[in-house]
Amino acid sequence: MKILVTGAAGFIGYHLAERLLQRGDEVVGIDNLNSYYDVTLKEARLARLAPREGFRFKRLDFADRDGMAALFARERFARVVHLGAQAGVRYSLSNPNAYVDSNLVGFMNILEGCRHSEVEHLVYASSSSVYGANSTMPFSVAQGVDHPVSLYAATKKANELMAHTYSHLYRLPTTGLRFFTVYGPWGRPDMAYFSFTRDILAGRTIDVYNHGQMRRDFTYIDDIVEGVMRTTDRPAAVNREWSSANPDPRSSLAPYRVYNIGNSEPVELLEMISTLERHLGRTANVRLLPMQPGDVLATFADVSDLERDVGFRPGTPLTTGLGRFATWYREYYQV
């Protein structure tokens, strides 16, 4: 198949493109290579993809309406995996317009492109952040998610609503994937495990919010990619048992689905730091600080729907994944 992967220079996009190419798909990757984090890392990911047969890259911002319309008209993609976005919760506090441009305007352009070129299936990245003020654990896609606590989370919830509208109006199959704290080799430098590694190796103090008592459902990159691959291969279908009298938010009479992809094993930040210390052979200098605006206390994925529908459940232990990340980090940065 010819598949569009947005955010192809990003962490998840790069790994997904590799997997799709390995099985023989044709991959067109787009990315605007913005400076939200180190552009050289994005370029290094692309450099590994560039020689691969079946891969083409175009530098393009999916907020560019005309550029995206031309791309869809020219390429006629079979399926689209939309992973590009303006990421980060804390950054949204100081740069809200970046999230509107990328996550709302850009997503609209993706939907329009899929609609007009009759794409078979749109899979897009949502986020565990949509659960916001919810406190019932584990987080289930059967729960309502109407109380986001950051603009980033609000844009991801908006994406799910926009996707449903297009599934309803134009019968476009859409599947939203709520990722839970993705980590691993070639990861994002703005993520805590990555910045902690950098500062621990440099002997700098690390800031740990909510006094280290936050819990995160860390999910290894290979598990995320496996979940994306399986859902991409299974276009969303209508749920004929869906009832407007008792609406189920995870499905619809339209070809629409939402899934969690998480490890289902929340870990306290201090335990994650301890695991990193063992793999790095260094002791962290920790500064405990209060909770930050926009953060949530805990994340914990119920993946029963994913397991039932596509036969997959993430399960890479944190110590295994962080060990692989630490090895990659030392090799890539030569430290």
C-alpha atoms as a PDB file:
ATOM      1  CA  MET A   1       0.000   0.000   0.000  1.00  0.00           C
ATOM      2  CA  LYS A   2       0.968   3.633  -0.394  1.00  0.00           C
ATOM      3  CA  ILE A   3       0.735   5.159   3.054  1.00  0.00           C
ATOM      4  CA  LEU A   4       1.166   8.766   4.164  1.00  0.00           C
ATOM      5  CA  VAL A   5       2.950   9.151   7.503  1.00  0.00           C
ATOM      6  CA  THR A   6       2.854  12.661   8.909  1.00  0.00           C
ATOM      7  CA  GLY A   7       5.502  13.623  11.430  1.00  0.00           C
ATOM      8  CA  ALA A   8       7.876  11.185   9.712  1.00  0.00           C
ATOM      9  CA  ALA A   9      10.918  12.906  11.234  1.00  0.00           C
ATOM     10  CA  GLY A  10       9.387  12.549  14.688  1.00  0.00           C
ATOM     11  CA  PHE A  11       9.876   9.815  17.244  1.00  0.00           C
ATOM     12  CA  ILE A  12       6.876   7.590  16.512  1.00  0.00           C
ATOM     13  CA  GLY A  13       6.659   8.523  12.839  1.00  0.00           C
ATOM     14  CA  TYR A  14      10.243   7.451  12.201  1.00  0.00           C
ATOM     15  CA  HIS A  15       9.788   4.060  13.873  1.00  0.00           C
ATOM     16  CA  LEU A  16       6.464   3.443  12.119  1.00  0.00           C
ATOM     17  CA  ALA A  17       7.923   4.308   8.700  1.00  0.00           C
ATOM     18  CA  GLU A  18      10.712   1.776   9.307  1.00  0.00           C
ATOM     19  CA  ARG A  19       8.208  -0.973  10.103  1.00  0.00           C
ATOM     20  CA  LEU A  20       6.002  -0.191   7.117  1.00  0.00           C
ATOM     21  CA  LEU A  21       9.004  -0.227   4.781  1.00  0.00           C
ATOM     22  CA  GLN A  22      10.199  -3.542   6.243  1.00  0.00           C
ATOM     23  CA  ARG A  23       6.967  -5.214   5.184  1.00  0.00           C
ATOM     24  CA  GLY A  24       7.051  -3.704   1.700  1.00  0.00           C
ATOM     25  CA  ASP A  25       4.699  -0.731   1.875  1.00  0.00           C
ATOM     26  CA  GLU A  26       5.417   2.494   0.018  1.00  0.00           C
ATOM     27  CA  VAL A  27       5.766   5.335   2.511  1.00  0.00           C
ATOM     28  CA  VAL A  28       5.501   9.042   1.807  1.00  0.00           C
ATOM     29  CA  GLY A  29       6.644  10.986   4.847  1.00  0.00           C
ATOM     30  CA  ILE A  30       6.019  14.644   5.556  1.00  0.00           C
ATOM     31  CA  ASP A  31       7.293  16.870   8.356  1.00  0.00           C
ATOM     32  CA  ASN A  32       7.891  20.592   8.774  1.00  0.00           C
ATOM     33  CA  LEU A  33      11.075  19.996  10.822  1.00  0.00           C
ATOM     34  CA  ASN A  34      10.174  22.740  13.288  1.00  0.00           C
ATOM     35  CA  SER A  35      12.488  23.733  16.115  1.00  0.00           C
ATOM     36  CA  TYR A  36      10.321  22.634  19.052  1.00  0.00           C
ATOM     37  CA  TYR A  37      13.222  20.311  19.842  1.00  0.00           C
ATOM     38  CA  ASP A  38      16.637  19.554  18.311  1.00  0.00           C
ATOM     39  CA  VAL A  39      16.260  19.558  14.527  1.00  0.00           C
ATOM     40  CA  THR A  40      19.497  17.585  14.068  1.00  0.00           C
ATOM     41  CA  LEU A  41      17.856  14.611  15.800  1.00  0.00           C
ATOM     42  CA  LYS A  42      14.936  14.799  13.364  1.00  0.00           C
ATOM     43  CA  GLU A  43      17.372  15.011  10.453  1.00  0.00           C
ATOM     44  CA  ALA A  44      19.282  11.993  11.775  1.00  0.00           C
ATOM     45  CA  ARG A  45      16.086   9.944  11.828  1.00  0.00           C
ATOM     46  CA  LEU A  46      15.320  10.961   8.254  1.00  0.00           C
ATOM     47  CA  ALA A  47      18.865  10.114   7.187  1.00  0.00           C
ATOM     48  CA  ARG A  48      18.231   6.525   8.260  1.00  0.00           C
ATOM     49  CA  LEU A  49      15.002   6.366   6.258  1.00  0.00           C
ATOM     50  CA  ALA A  50      16.216   8.134   3.114  1.00  0.00           C
ATOM     51  CA  PRO A  51      18.169   5.209   1.566  1.00  0.00           C
ATOM     52  CA  ARG A  52      15.311   2.772   2.063  1.00  0.00           C
ATOM     53  CA  GLU A  53      13.528   1.557  -1.046  1.00  0.00           C
ATOM     54  CA  GLY A  54       9.950   2.756  -1.099  1.00  0.00           C
ATOM     55  CA  PHE A  55      10.484   5.862   1.050  1.00  0.00           C
ATOM     56  CA  ARG A  56      10.010   9.437  -0.119  1.00  0.00           C
ATOM     57  CA  PHE A  57      10.098  12.561   2.038  1.00  0.00           C
ATOM     58  CA  LYS A  58       8.618  15.995   1.494  1.00  0.00           C
ATOM     59  CA  ARG A  59       9.162  18.898   3.827  1.00  0.00           C
ATOM     60  CA  LEU A  60       5.652  20.208   4.290  1.00  0.00           C
ATOM     61  CA  ASP A  61       3.612  21.721   7.101  1.00  0.00           C
ATOM     62  CA  PHE A  62       0.221  20.033   7.242  1.00  0.00           C
ATOM     63  CA  ALA A  63      -1.233  23.404   8.262  1.00  0.00           C
ATOM     64  CA  ASP A  64      -0.487  24.458   4.645  1.00  0.00           C
ATOM     65  CA  ARG A  65      -3.935  23.999   3.100  1.00  0.00           C
ATOM     66  CA  ASP A  66      -2.929  24.305  -0.545  1.00  0.00           C
ATOM     67  CA  GLY A  67       0.209  22.193  -0.127  1.00  0.00           C
ATOM     68  CA  MET A  68      -1.724  19.406   1.561  1.00  0.00           C
ATOM     69  CA  ALA A  69      -4.528  19.458  -1.018  1.00  0.00           C
ATOM     70  CA  ALA A  70      -1.964  19.157  -3.810  1.00  0.00           C
ATOM     71  CA  LEU A  71      -0.176  16.296  -2.029  1.00  0.00           C
ATOM     72  CA  PHE A  72      -3.368  14.265  -1.592  1.00  0.00           C
ATOM     73  CA  ALA A  73      -4.509  14.902  -5.159  1.00  0.00           C
ATOM     74  CA  ARG A  74      -1.149  13.831  -6.577  1.00  0.00           C
ATOM     75  CA  GLU A  75      -0.406  10.768  -4.441  1.00  0.00           C
ATOM     76  CA  ARG A  76      -3.808   9.117  -3.915  1.00  0.00           C
ATOM     77  CA  PHE A  77      -2.861   7.403  -0.661  1.00  0.00           C
ATOM     78  CA  ALA A  78      -4.526   4.151   0.340  1.00  0.00           C
ATOM     79  CA  ARG A  79      -4.199   4.943   4.045  1.00  0.00           C
ATOM     80  CA  VAL A  80      -2.986   7.804   6.214  1.00  0.00           C
ATOM     81  CA  VAL A  81      -1.324   7.657   9.625  1.00  0.00           C
ATOM     82  CA  HIS A  82      -1.345  11.145  11.107  1.00  0.00           C
ATOM     83  CA  LEU A  83       1.282  11.327  13.849  1.00  0.00           C
ATOM     84  CA  GLY A  84       2.466  14.909  13.372  1.00  0.00           C
ATOM     85  CA  ALA A  85       1.326  17.466  15.937  1.00  0.00           C
ATOM     86  CA  GLN A  86       2.515  20.229  18.178  1.00  0.00           C
ATOM     87  CA  ALA A  87       3.303  18.142  21.235  1.00  0.00           C
ATOM     88  CA  GLY A  88       3.913  18.978  24.879  1.00  0.00           C
ATOM     89  CA  VAL A  89       1.656  20.022  27.740  1.00  0.00           C
ATOM     90  CA  ARG A  90       3.813  22.727  29.351  1.00  0.00           C
ATOM     91  CA  TYR A  91       4.732  24.361  26.039  1.00  0.00           C
ATOM     92  CA  SER A  92       1.025  24.924  25.385  1.00  0.00           C
ATOM     93  CA  LEU A  93       0.873  27.273  28.368  1.00  0.00           C
ATOM     94  CA  SER A  94       3.179  29.766  26.670  1.00  0.00           C
ATOM     95  CA  ASN A  95       2.611  29.040  22.971  1.00  0.00           C
ATOM     96  CA  PRO A  96      -1.097  28.278  22.549  1.00  0.00           C
ATOM     97  CA  ASN A  97      -1.351  29.437  18.938  1.00  0.00           C
ATOM     98  CA  ALA A  98       1.106  26.756  17.808  1.00  0.00           C
ATOM     99  CA  TYR A  99      -1.414  24.134  18.944  1.00  0.00           C
ATOM    100  CA  VAL A 100      -4.296  25.749  17.095  1.00  0.00           C
ATOM    101  CA  ASP A 101      -2.295  25.980  13.863  1.00  0.00           C
ATOM    102  CA  SER A 102      -0.922  22.450  13.951  1.00  0.00           C
ATOM    103  CA  ASN A 103      -3.432  20.375  15.872  1.00  0.00           C
ATOM    104  CA  LEU A 104      -6.663  21.988  14.686  1.00  0.00           C
ATOM    105  CA  VAL A 105      -6.013  23.672  11.325  1.00  0.00           C
ATOM    106  CA  GLY A 106      -3.546  20.958  10.344  1.00  0.00           C
ATOM    107  CA  PHE A 107      -5.898  18.152  11.314  1.00  0.00           C
ATOM    108  CA  MET A 108      -8.660  19.776   9.301  1.00  0.00           C
ATOM    109  CA  ASN A 109      -6.415  19.668   6.230  1.00  0.00           C
ATOM    110  CA  ILE A 110      -5.750  15.969   6.851  1.00  0.00           C
ATOM    111  CA  LEU A 111      -9.476  15.233   7.061  1.00  0.00           C
ATOM    112  CA  GLU A 112     -10.220  17.172   3.887  1.00  0.00           C
ATOM    113  CA  GLY A 113      -7.414  15.424   2.036  1.00  0.00           C
ATOM    114  CA  CYS A 114      -8.688  12.013   3.100  1.00  0.00           C
ATOM    115  CA  ARG A 115     -12.246  12.915   2.172  1.00  0.00           C
ATOM    116  CA  HIS A 116     -11.516  14.198  -1.309  1.00  0.00           C
ATOM    117  CA  SER A 117      -9.062  11.450  -2.276  1.00  0.00           C
ATOM    118  CA  GLU A 118     -11.167   8.604  -0.846  1.00  0.00           C
ATOM    119  CA  VAL A 119      -8.583   7.312   1.622  1.00  0.00           C
ATOM    120  CA  GLU A 120      -9.508   3.853   2.935  1.00  0.00           C
ATOM    121  CA  HIS A 121      -8.582   4.537   6.552  1.00  0.00           C
ATOM    122  CA  LEU A 122      -7.279   7.460   8.619  1.00  0.00           C
ATOM    123  CA  VAL A 123      -5.423   6.551  11.808  1.00  0.00           C
ATOM    124  CA  TYR A 124      -4.425   9.512  13.977  1.00  0.00           C
ATOM    125  CA  ALA A 125      -2.572  10.099  17.222  1.00  0.00           C
ATOM    126  CA  SER A 126      -4.700  11.165  20.143  1.00  0.00           C
ATOM    127  CA  SER A 127      -3.294  11.196  23.681  1.00  0.00           C
ATOM    128  CA  SER A 128      -3.823   9.937  27.205  1.00  0.00           C
ATOM    129  CA  SER A 129      -3.972  13.624  28.160  1.00  0.00           C
ATOM    130  CA  VAL A 130      -7.607  13.737  26.994  1.00  0.00           C
ATOM    131  CA  TYR A 131      -8.586  12.022  30.245  1.00  0.00           C
ATOM    132  CA  GLY A 132      -7.712  15.272  32.038  1.00  0.00           C
ATOM    133  CA  ALA A 133      -9.552  15.571  35.345  1.00  0.00           C
ATOM    134  CA  ASN A 134     -10.779  11.954  35.227  1.00  0.00           C
ATOM    135  CA  SER A 135      -9.691  10.023  38.306  1.00  0.00           C
ATOM    136  CA  THR A 136     -11.259   6.575  37.755  1.00  0.00           C
ATOM    137  CA  MET A 137      -8.431   4.146  36.997  1.00  0.00           C
ATOM    138  CA  PRO A 138      -7.610   2.550  34.671  1.00  0.00           C
ATOM    139  CA  PHE A 139      -8.612   5.044  31.997  1.00  0.00           C
ATOM    140  CA  SER A 140     -11.102   3.415  29.639  1.00  0.00           C
ATOM    141  CA  VAL A 141     -12.214   4.546  26.192  1.00  0.00           C
ATOM    142  CA  ALA A 142     -15.751   3.953  27.484  1.00  0.00           C
ATOM    143  CA  GLN A 143     -15.341   6.965  29.809  1.00  0.00           C
ATOM    144  CA  GLY A 144     -16.340  10.492  28.863  1.00  0.00           C
ATOM    145  CA  VAL A 145     -13.392  12.857  28.379  1.00  0.00           C
ATOM    146  CA  ASP A 146     -14.942  16.299  28.666  1.00  0.00           C
ATOM    147  CA  HIS A 147     -12.635  17.931  31.219  1.00  0.00           C
ATOM    148  CA  PRO A 148      -9.163  18.472  29.718  1.00  0.00           C
ATOM    149  CA  VAL A 149      -6.635  20.324  31.889  1.00  0.00           C
ATOM    150  CA  SER A 150      -4.338  21.614  29.130  1.00  0.00           C
ATOM    151  CA  LEU A 151      -4.818  23.166  25.712  1.00  0.00           C
ATOM    152  CA  TYR A 152      -2.822  20.307  24.190  1.00  0.00           C
ATOM    153  CA  ALA A 153      -5.344  17.841  25.620  1.00  0.00           C
ATOM    154  CA  ALA A 154      -8.245  19.962  24.379  1.00  0.00           C
ATOM    155  CA  THR A 155      -6.876  19.903  20.825  1.00  0.00           C
ATOM    156  CA  LYS A 156      -6.545  16.127  20.942  1.00  0.00           C
ATOM    157  CA  LYS A 157     -10.125  15.762  22.155  1.00  0.00           C
ATOM    158  CA  ALA A 158     -11.153  18.131  19.363  1.00  0.00           C
ATOM    159  CA  ASN A 159      -9.410  15.858  16.847  1.00  0.00           C
ATOM    160  CA  GLU A 160     -11.548  12.940  17.991  1.00  0.00           C
ATOM    161  CA  LEU A 161     -14.708  15.023  17.576  1.00  0.00           C
ATOM    162  CA  MET A 162     -13.636  16.281  14.149  1.00  0.00           C
ATOM    163  CA  ALA A 163     -12.809  12.736  13.035  1.00  0.00           C
ATOM    164  CA  HIS A 164     -16.207  11.481  14.118  1.00  0.00           C
ATOM    165  CA  THR A 165     -17.908  14.216  12.130  1.00  0.00           C
ATOM    166  CA  TYR A 166     -16.088  13.175   8.951  1.00  0.00           C
ATOM    167  CA  SER A 167     -16.783   9.506   9.645  1.00  0.00           C
ATOM    168  CA  HIS A 168     -20.476  10.371   9.995  1.00  0.00           C
ATOM    169  CA  LEU A 169     -20.811  12.778   7.071  1.00  0.00           C
ATOM    170  CA  TYR A 170     -18.508  11.155   4.528  1.00  0.00           C
ATOM    171  CA  ARG A 171     -18.220   7.552   5.787  1.00  0.00           C
ATOM    172  CA  LEU A 172     -14.466   8.043   6.182  1.00  0.00           C
ATOM    173  CA  PRO A 173     -13.150   5.255   8.462  1.00  0.00           C
ATOM    174  CA  THR A 174     -11.168   6.899  11.281  1.00  0.00           C
ATOM    175  CA  THR A 175      -9.356   5.428  14.277  1.00  0.00           C
ATOM    176  CA  GLY A 176      -7.954   7.548  17.090  1.00  0.00           C
ATOM    177  CA  LEU A 177      -5.133   6.136  19.226  1.00  0.00           C
ATOM    178  CA  ARG A 178      -4.618   7.497  22.725  1.00  0.00           C
ATOM    179  CA  PHE A 179      -0.894   7.005  23.373  1.00  0.00           C
ATOM    180  CA  PHE A 180       0.370   6.698  26.927  1.00  0.00           C
ATOM    181  CA  THR A 181       3.852   8.189  27.668  1.00  0.00           C
ATOM    182  CA  VAL A 182       5.840   6.762  24.778  1.00  0.00           C
ATOM    183  CA  TYR A 183       9.567   6.195  25.343  1.00  0.00           C
ATOM    184  CA  GLY A 184      12.527   4.439  23.757  1.00  0.00           C
ATOM    185  CA  PRO A 185      15.504   4.890  21.394  1.00  0.00           C
ATOM    186  CA  TRP A 186      15.358   7.927  19.094  1.00  0.00           C
ATOM    187  CA  GLY A 187      12.875   9.491  21.513  1.00  0.00           C
ATOM    188  CA  ARG A 188      11.862  13.096  22.127  1.00  0.00           C
ATOM    189  CA  PRO A 189      14.305  15.273  24.109  1.00  0.00           C
ATOM    190  CA  ASP A 190      11.438  17.146  25.797  1.00  0.00           C
ATOM    191  CA  MET A 191      10.222  13.980  27.530  1.00  0.00           C
ATOM    192  CA  ALA A 192      11.202  13.523  31.184  1.00  0.00           C
ATOM    193  CA  TYR A 193      13.093  10.217  30.818  1.00  0.00           C
ATOM    194  CA  PHE A 194      15.201  11.778  28.013  1.00  0.00           C
ATOM    195  CA  SER A 195      16.008  15.048  29.789  1.00  0.00           C
ATOM    196  CA  PHE A 196      16.690  13.165  33.037  1.00  0.00           C
ATOM    197  CA  THR A 197      19.212  10.977  31.216  1.00  0.00           C
ATOM    198  CA  ARG A 198      20.951  14.006  29.738  1.00  0.00           C
ATOM    199  CA  ASP A 199      21.182  15.779  33.088  1.00  0.00           C
ATOM    200  CA  ILE A 200      22.177  12.711  35.121  1.00  0.00           C
ATOM    201  CA  LEU A 201      25.084  11.986  32.772  1.00  0.00           C
ATOM    202  CA  ALA A 202      26.120  15.656  32.893  1.00  0.00           C
ATOM    203  CA  GLY A 203      25.969  15.743  36.696  1.00  0.00           C
ATOM    204  CA  ARG A 204      23.183  18.326  36.726  1.00  0.00           C
ATOM    205  CA  THR A 205      20.224  18.425  39.119  1.00  0.00           C
ATOM    206  CA  ILE A 206      16.926  17.151  37.744  1.00  0.00           C
ATOM    207  CA  ASP A 207      13.602  18.794  38.607  1.00  0.00           C
ATOM    208  CA  VAL A 208      10.928  16.301  39.612  1.00  0.00           C
ATOM    209  CA  TYR A 209       7.426  17.692  39.967  1.00  0.00           C
ATOM    210  CA  ASN A 210       4.764  16.812  42.524  1.00  0.00           C
ATOM    211  CA  HIS A 211       7.658  15.573  44.661  1.00  0.00           C
ATOM    212  CA  GLY A 212       8.037  12.547  42.395  1.00  0.00           C
ATOM    213  CA  GLN A 213       4.623  11.131  43.287  1.00  0.00           C
ATOM    214  CA  MET A 214       3.153  11.265  39.792  1.00  0.00           C
ATOM    215  CA  ARG A 215       2.605   7.924  38.072  1.00  0.00           C
ATOM    216  CA  ARG A 216       2.904   7.346  34.349  1.00  0.00           C
ATOM    217  CA  ASP A 217       1.962   4.391  32.146  1.00  0.00           C
ATOM    218  CA  PHE A 218       5.284   4.246  30.255  1.00  0.00           C
ATOM    219  CA  THR A 219       4.816   2.479  26.899  1.00  0.00           C
ATOM    220  CA  TYR A 220       7.753   1.271  24.838  1.00  0.00           C
ATOM    221  CA  ILE A 221       8.008   2.482  21.254  1.00  0.00           C
ATOM    222  CA  ASP A 222       7.915  -0.999  19.687  1.00  0.00           C
ATOM    223  CA  ASP A 223       4.604  -1.696  21.430  1.00  0.00           C
ATOM    224  CA  ILE A 224       3.176   1.600  20.190  1.00  0.00           C
ATOM    225  CA  VAL A 225       4.212   0.849  16.603  1.00  0.00           C
ATOM    226  CA  GLU A 226       2.760  -2.667  16.756  1.00  0.00           C
ATOM    227  CA  GLY A 227      -0.546  -1.211  17.919  1.00  0.00           C
ATOM    228  CA  VAL A 228      -0.512   1.397  15.147  1.00  0.00           C
ATOM    229  CA  MET A 229       0.284  -1.217  12.499  1.00  0.00           C
ATOM    230  CA  ARG A 230      -2.525  -3.516  13.601  1.00  0.00           C
ATOM    231  CA  THR A 231      -5.147  -0.794  13.781  1.00  0.00           C
ATOM    232  CA  THR A 232      -4.064   0.666  10.426  1.00  0.00           C
ATOM    233  CA  ASP A 233      -4.659  -2.736   8.852  1.00  0.00           C
ATOM    234  CA  ARG A 234      -8.160  -2.903  10.350  1.00  0.00           C
ATOM    235  CA  PRO A 235     -10.254   0.018   9.051  1.00  0.00           C
ATOM    236  CA  ALA A 236     -12.808   1.237  11.537  1.00  0.00           C
ATOM    237  CA  ALA A 237     -16.284  -0.189  11.031  1.00  0.00           C
ATOM    238  CA  VAL A 238     -19.721   0.852  12.212  1.00  0.00           C
ATOM    239  CA  ASN A 239     -21.011  -0.505  15.500  1.00  0.00           C
ATOM    240  CA  ARG A 240     -24.526  -1.635  14.630  1.00  0.00           C
ATOM    241  CA  GLU A 241     -25.358  -2.103  18.305  1.00  0.00           C
ATOM    242  CA  TRP A 242     -24.584   1.550  19.081  1.00  0.00           C
ATOM    243  CA  SER A 243     -27.518   3.387  20.629  1.00  0.00           C
ATOM    244  CA  SER A 244     -28.166   7.119  20.706  1.00  0.00           C
ATOM    245  CA  ALA A 245     -30.142   6.561  23.902  1.00  0.00           C
ATOM    246  CA  ASN A 246     -26.993   5.301  25.624  1.00  0.00           C
ATOM    247  CA  PRO A 247     -24.119   6.557  23.447  1.00  0.00           C
ATOM    248  CA  ASP A 248     -20.826   4.691  23.659  1.00  0.00           C
ATOM    249  CA  PRO A 249     -17.949   7.192  23.151  1.00  0.00           C
ATOM    250  CA  ARG A 250     -15.523   4.589  21.755  1.00  0.00           C
ATOM    251  CA  SER A 251     -17.577   3.712  18.659  1.00  0.00           C
ATOM    252  CA  SER A 252     -20.499   4.898  16.557  1.00  0.00           C
ATOM    253  CA  LEU A 253     -22.987   4.120  13.829  1.00  0.00           C
ATOM    254  CA  ALA A 254     -20.302   5.824  11.729  1.00  0.00           C
ATOM    255  CA  PRO A 255     -17.027   3.977  10.894  1.00  0.00           C
ATOM    256  CA  TYR A 256     -15.234   5.410  13.919  1.00  0.00           C
ATOM    257  CA  ARG A 257     -13.117   3.924  16.707  1.00  0.00           C
ATOM    258  CA  VAL A 258     -10.920   5.110  19.582  1.00  0.00           C
ATOM    259  CA  TYR A 259      -8.367   2.930  21.403  1.00  0.00           C
ATOM    260  CA  ASN A 260      -5.886   3.276  24.239  1.00  0.00           C
ATOM    261  CA  ILE A 261      -2.333   2.051  23.642  1.00  0.00           C
ATOM    262  CA  GLY A 262      -0.545   1.814  26.972  1.00  0.00           C
ATOM    263  CA  ASN A 263       1.481  -0.641  29.013  1.00  0.00           C
ATOM    264  CA  SER A 264      -1.221  -0.891  31.725  1.00  0.00           C
ATOM    265  CA  GLU A 265       1.384  -0.738  34.479  1.00  0.00           C
ATOM    266  CA  PRO A 266       1.778   2.769  35.962  1.00  0.00           C
ATOM    267  CA  VAL A 267       5.172   3.557  37.489  1.00  0.00           C
ATOM    268  CA  GLU A 268       5.977   6.350  39.950  1.00  0.00           C
ATOM    269  CA  LEU A 269       8.488   8.887  38.624  1.00  0.00           C
ATOM    270  CA  LEU A 270      10.958   8.176  41.423  1.00  0.00           C
ATOM    271  CA  GLU A 271      10.918   4.487  40.483  1.00  0.00           C
ATOM    272  CA  MET A 272      11.548   5.401  36.834  1.00  0.00           C
ATOM    273  CA  ILE A 273      14.491   7.550  37.919  1.00  0.00           C
ATOM    274  CA  SER A 274      15.860   4.693  40.017  1.00  0.00           C
ATOM    275  CA  THR A 275      15.656   2.382  36.990  1.00  0.00           C
ATOM    276  CA  LEU A 276      17.486   4.955  34.861  1.00  0.00           C
ATOM    277  CA  GLU A 277      20.198   5.258  37.500  1.00  0.00           C
ATOM    278  CA  ARG A 278      20.848   1.517  37.372  1.00  0.00           C
ATOM    279  CA  HIS A 279      21.167   1.495  33.580  1.00  0.00           C
ATOM    280  CA  LEU A 280      23.328   4.621  33.483  1.00  0.00           C
ATOM    281  CA  GLY A 281      25.503   3.648  36.420  1.00  0.00           C
ATOM    282  CA  ARG A 282      25.042   7.123  37.891  1.00  0.00           C
ATOM    283  CA  THR A 283      23.136   8.636  40.816  1.00  0.00           C
ATOM    284  CA  ALA A 284      20.704  11.449  40.123  1.00  0.00           C
ATOM    285  CA  ASN A 285      20.729  14.746  42.000  1.00  0.00           C
ATOM    286  CA  VAL A 286      17.003  15.305  42.514  1.00  0.00           C
ATOM    287  CA  ARG A 287      15.155  18.530  43.303  1.00  0.00           C
ATOM    288  CA  LEU A 288      11.559  17.855  44.349  1.00  0.00           C
ATOM    289  CA  LEU A 289       9.091  20.529  43.288  1.00  0.00           C
ATOM    290  CA  PRO A 290       5.298  21.117  43.445  1.00  0.00           C
ATOM    291  CA  MET A 291       2.849  20.071  40.743  1.00  0.00           C
ATOM    292  CA  GLN A 292       3.011  21.990  37.440  1.00  0.00           C
ATOM    293  CA  PRO A 293      -0.097  23.506  35.791  1.00  0.00           C
ATOM    294  CA  GLY A 294      -1.570  21.227  33.123  1.00  0.00           C
ATOM    295  CA  ASP A 295      -0.082  18.010  34.533  1.00  0.00           C
ATOM    296  CA  VAL A 296      -2.149  15.072  35.759  1.00  0.00           C
ATOM    297  CA  LEU A 297      -1.373  12.911  38.769  1.00  0.00           C
ATOM    298  CA  ALA A 298      -1.481   9.552  37.039  1.00  0.00           C
ATOM    299  CA  THR A 299      -2.147   7.733  33.785  1.00  0.00           C
ATOM    300  CA  PHE A 300      -3.191   4.094  33.480  1.00  0.00           C
ATOM    301  CA  ALA A 301      -4.486   2.523  30.260  1.00  0.00           C
ATOM    302  CA  ASP A 302      -7.283   0.008  29.954  1.00  0.00           C
ATOM    303  CA  VAL A 303      -6.383  -1.694  26.653  1.00  0.00           C
ATOM    304  CA  SER A 304      -9.095  -4.357  26.661  1.00  0.00           C
ATOM    305  CA  ASP A 305     -10.746  -2.918  23.531  1.00  0.00           C
ATOM    306  CA  LEU A 306      -7.443  -2.948  21.636  1.00  0.00           C
ATOM    307  CA  GLU A 307      -6.733  -6.497  22.748  1.00  0.00           C
ATOM    308  CA  ARG A 308     -10.216  -7.678  21.769  1.00  0.00           C
ATOM    309  CA  ASP A 309     -10.285  -6.042  18.341  1.00  0.00           C
ATOM    310  CA  VAL A 310      -6.715  -6.396  17.063  1.00  0.00           C
ATOM    311  CA  GLY A 311      -5.284  -9.093  19.313  1.00  0.00           C
ATOM    312  CA  PHE A 312      -2.483  -7.044  20.818  1.00  0.00           C
ATOM    313  CA  ARG A 313      -1.558  -5.891  24.299  1.00  0.00           C
ATOM    314  CA  PRO A 314       1.643  -3.897  25.043  1.00  0.00           C
ATOM    315  CA  GLY A 315       3.911  -5.574  27.555  1.00  0.00           C
ATOM    316  CA  THR A 316       7.555  -4.438  27.371  1.00  0.00           C
ATOM    317  CA  PRO A 317       8.804  -3.991  30.974  1.00  0.00           C
ATOM    318  CA  LEU A 318      10.095  -0.522  31.848  1.00  0.00           C
ATOM    319  CA  THR A 319      13.516  -1.816  32.818  1.00  0.00           C
ATOM    320  CA  THR A 320      13.899  -3.498  29.417  1.00  0.00           C
ATOM    321  CA  GLY A 321      12.820  -0.429  27.481  1.00  0.00           C
ATOM    322  CA  LEU A 322      14.896   2.016  29.511  1.00  0.00           C
ATOM    323  CA  GLY A 323      17.913  -0.263  29.153  1.00  0.00           C
ATOM    324  CA  ARG A 324      17.580  -0.110  25.363  1.00  0.00           C
ATOM    325  CA  PHE A 325      17.113   3.644  25.494  1.00  0.00           C
ATOM    326  CA  ALA A 326      20.194   4.140  27.699  1.00  0.00           C
ATOM    327  CA  THR A 327      22.304   2.065  25.294  1.00  0.00           C
ATOM    328  CA  TRP A 328      21.058   4.067  22.302  1.00  0.00           C
ATOM    329  CA  TYR A 329      21.600   7.381  24.106  1.00  0.00           C
ATOM    330  CA  ARG A 330      25.239   6.627  24.942  1.00  0.00           C
ATOM    331  CA  GLU A 331      25.927   5.494  21.388  1.00  0.00           C
ATOM    332  CA  TYR A 332      24.152   8.384  19.661  1.00  0.00           C
ATOM    333  CA  TYR A 333      25.589  11.146  21.882  1.00  0.00           C
ATOM    334  CA  GLN A 334      28.891   9.316  22.485  1.00  0.00           C
ATOM    335  CA  VAL A 335      28.804   9.737  26.262  1.00  0.00           C
END
